Protein backbone atom coordinates (compact mmCIF):
# COMPACT_ATOMS: atom_id res chain seq x y z
CA MET A 1 -1.25 44.77 -37.47
CA ASN A 2 -3.61 45.35 -34.53
CA LEU A 3 -5.57 42.26 -35.53
CA ARG A 4 -2.42 40.15 -35.39
CA LEU A 5 -1.52 41.61 -31.99
CA TYR A 6 -5.00 40.83 -30.63
CA ALA A 7 -4.83 37.30 -32.04
CA LEU A 8 -1.41 36.77 -30.46
CA ILE A 9 -2.62 38.08 -27.08
CA ALA A 10 -5.73 35.88 -27.27
CA LEU A 11 -3.62 32.85 -28.15
CA LEU A 12 -1.19 33.52 -25.30
CA GLY A 13 -4.10 34.12 -22.92
CA THR A 14 -5.68 30.78 -23.74
CA GLN A 15 -2.33 29.05 -23.25
CA VAL A 16 -1.89 30.67 -19.84
CA LEU A 17 -5.42 29.70 -18.84
CA ALA A 18 -4.87 26.15 -20.04
CA PHE A 19 -1.81 25.78 -17.81
CA ALA A 20 -3.45 27.51 -14.86
CA ALA A 21 -6.67 25.46 -15.05
CA PRO A 22 -6.86 22.25 -13.05
CA SER A 23 -5.63 19.29 -14.97
CA GLU A 24 -8.19 17.11 -16.69
CA ARG A 25 -5.91 14.13 -16.23
CA LYS A 26 -7.07 11.33 -14.02
CA GLN A 27 -5.71 11.98 -10.55
CA ARG A 28 -5.13 9.31 -7.95
CA PRO A 29 -7.94 9.14 -5.44
CA ALA A 30 -7.15 10.01 -1.86
CA ARG A 31 -5.72 7.14 0.16
CA PRO A 32 -8.51 5.47 2.12
CA SER A 33 -8.31 5.66 5.88
CA LYS A 34 -7.06 2.78 7.96
CA GLU A 35 -10.51 2.47 9.53
CA LEU A 36 -12.20 2.23 6.13
CA ILE A 37 -9.77 -0.47 4.99
CA GLN A 38 -10.37 -2.44 8.19
CA LYS A 39 -14.14 -2.12 7.76
CA GLU A 40 -13.97 -3.33 4.15
CA LYS A 41 -11.64 -6.17 5.11
CA LYS A 42 -13.97 -7.28 7.89
CA ALA A 43 -16.94 -7.36 5.49
CA PHE A 44 -14.91 -9.21 2.86
CA LEU A 45 -13.60 -11.84 5.28
CA ALA A 46 -17.03 -12.29 6.88
CA LYS A 47 -18.52 -13.01 3.47
CA GLU A 48 -15.68 -15.19 2.13
CA LEU A 49 -15.36 -17.26 5.31
CA SER A 50 -19.07 -17.24 6.26
CA LEU A 51 -18.28 -15.72 9.65
CA THR A 52 -20.84 -14.93 12.29
CA ALA A 53 -20.87 -11.37 13.62
CA LYS A 54 -19.05 -12.47 16.79
CA GLU A 55 -16.46 -14.45 14.81
CA ALA A 56 -15.85 -11.46 12.53
CA ASP A 57 -15.47 -9.06 15.48
CA ASP A 58 -13.13 -11.35 17.40
CA LEU A 59 -11.12 -12.27 14.32
CA MET A 60 -10.62 -8.66 13.25
CA LEU A 61 -9.16 -7.72 16.63
CA ILE A 62 -6.44 -10.29 16.00
CA ILE A 63 -6.00 -9.56 12.27
CA ASN A 64 -5.78 -5.78 12.80
CA GLU A 65 -3.04 -6.28 15.39
CA LEU A 66 -1.19 -8.63 13.04
CA ASP A 67 -1.51 -6.17 10.15
CA GLY A 68 -0.13 -3.36 12.30
CA LYS A 69 2.96 -5.40 13.09
CA ARG A 70 3.33 -6.45 9.44
CA PHE A 71 3.17 -2.85 8.27
CA ALA A 72 5.83 -1.87 10.80
CA LEU A 73 8.11 -4.58 9.38
CA TRP A 74 7.50 -3.48 5.80
CA LYS A 75 8.03 0.15 6.74
CA SER A 76 11.42 -0.66 8.26
CA CYS A 77 12.66 -1.72 4.80
CA TYR A 78 10.86 1.04 2.93
CA SER A 79 13.21 3.87 3.87
CA MET A 80 16.27 1.81 2.96
CA ARG A 81 14.71 0.80 -0.37
CA ARG A 82 13.88 4.45 -1.19
CA ARG A 83 17.44 5.51 -0.35
CA MET A 84 18.82 2.84 -2.64
CA GLN A 85 16.52 3.81 -5.50
CA SER A 86 17.35 7.50 -5.23
CA ARG A 87 21.11 6.94 -5.16
CA GLY A 88 21.20 4.98 -8.38
CA GLY A 89 24.55 3.35 -9.11
CA SER A 90 26.40 4.72 -6.08
CA ILE A 91 25.38 1.90 -3.75
CA THR A 92 28.07 -0.27 -2.25
CA ASP A 93 27.94 -4.05 -2.00
CA ALA A 94 27.86 -3.67 1.79
CA GLU A 95 24.69 -1.55 1.53
CA TYR A 96 23.08 -4.08 -0.80
CA GLU A 97 23.98 -6.86 1.62
CA LYS A 98 22.55 -4.93 4.58
CA TYR A 99 19.31 -4.38 2.67
CA PHE A 100 19.14 -8.01 1.55
CA ASN A 101 19.69 -9.27 5.10
CA GLN A 102 17.02 -6.95 6.45
CA VAL A 103 14.51 -8.15 3.85
CA MET A 104 15.26 -11.80 4.67
CA ASP A 105 15.04 -11.16 8.42
CA ASN A 106 11.71 -9.40 7.93
CA ARG A 107 10.32 -12.36 5.98
CA VAL A 108 11.25 -14.70 8.84
CA GLN A 109 9.74 -12.31 11.40
CA GLU A 110 6.56 -12.01 9.33
CA ALA A 111 6.24 -15.81 9.15
CA GLU A 112 6.68 -16.00 12.93
CA LEU A 113 4.03 -13.30 13.40
CA GLU A 114 1.62 -15.21 11.17
CA ARG A 115 2.18 -18.40 13.13
CA THR A 116 1.59 -16.60 16.44
CA TYR A 117 -1.50 -14.69 15.33
CA TYR A 118 -3.06 -17.49 13.29
CA THR A 119 -2.68 -19.69 16.36
CA LYS A 120 -4.67 -17.05 18.28
CA CYS A 121 -7.28 -17.17 15.51
CA LYS A 122 -7.87 -20.86 16.26
CA GLU A 123 -9.53 -19.73 19.48
CA VAL A 124 -12.16 -17.63 17.67
CA ILE A 125 -12.92 -19.42 14.39
CA PRO A 126 -13.15 -23.10 13.44
CA MET A 127 -10.18 -24.74 11.74
CA ASN A 128 -11.92 -25.05 8.35
CA LYS A 129 -12.31 -21.24 8.27
CA LEU A 130 -8.79 -20.68 9.57
CA VAL A 131 -7.34 -22.71 6.71
CA LYS A 132 -9.18 -20.44 4.24
CA LEU A 133 -8.14 -17.26 6.05
CA GLU A 134 -4.76 -16.72 4.39
CA ARG A 135 -6.21 -17.13 0.89
CA ALA A 136 -9.06 -14.77 1.76
CA ASN A 137 -6.56 -12.20 3.12
CA ARG A 138 -4.60 -12.35 -0.13
CA ALA A 139 -7.78 -12.09 -2.21
CA PHE A 140 -8.81 -8.99 -0.27
CA ALA A 141 -5.38 -7.39 -0.75
CA ARG A 142 -5.42 -8.16 -4.49
CA GLN A 143 -8.95 -6.80 -4.92
CA PHE A 144 -8.18 -3.70 -2.85
CA MET A 145 -5.02 -2.91 -4.82
CA GLN A 146 -6.81 -3.37 -8.15
CA ARG A 147 -9.49 -0.91 -7.05
CA GLN A 148 -6.82 1.60 -6.01
CA HIS A 149 -5.05 1.44 -9.36
CA ASN A 150 -8.20 1.65 -11.52
């Protein structure tokens, strides 16, 4: 009887310890800082576009400002999207329409921002590099996101 009791206590103890111990599951790495992302992006663009140090410095001032404004646009839709996801089926057509219109307006504003800031980029990098800039930006984003999810 005592042996069974000790075995039961030992079994329960190991179960408690297993739940209390830190999980062995793969946890998401900490989100990299804005400064680290900007540094990596600068190095990536410099390599992909064959930028000089001055071109890279001048270009990143413009790109970082553009990215800040883009993120603000995306963030303005984020809270509405989260609200819609959390409410499930209780969303009215008017709310869907408001969200849809905001997304469409943001796309137009983002295109206008790109035109404005890419025009500024013409002053710091040659046109052949500017044409490659958008593709290089997308390649960086894709590579960065893949690293974050692996």
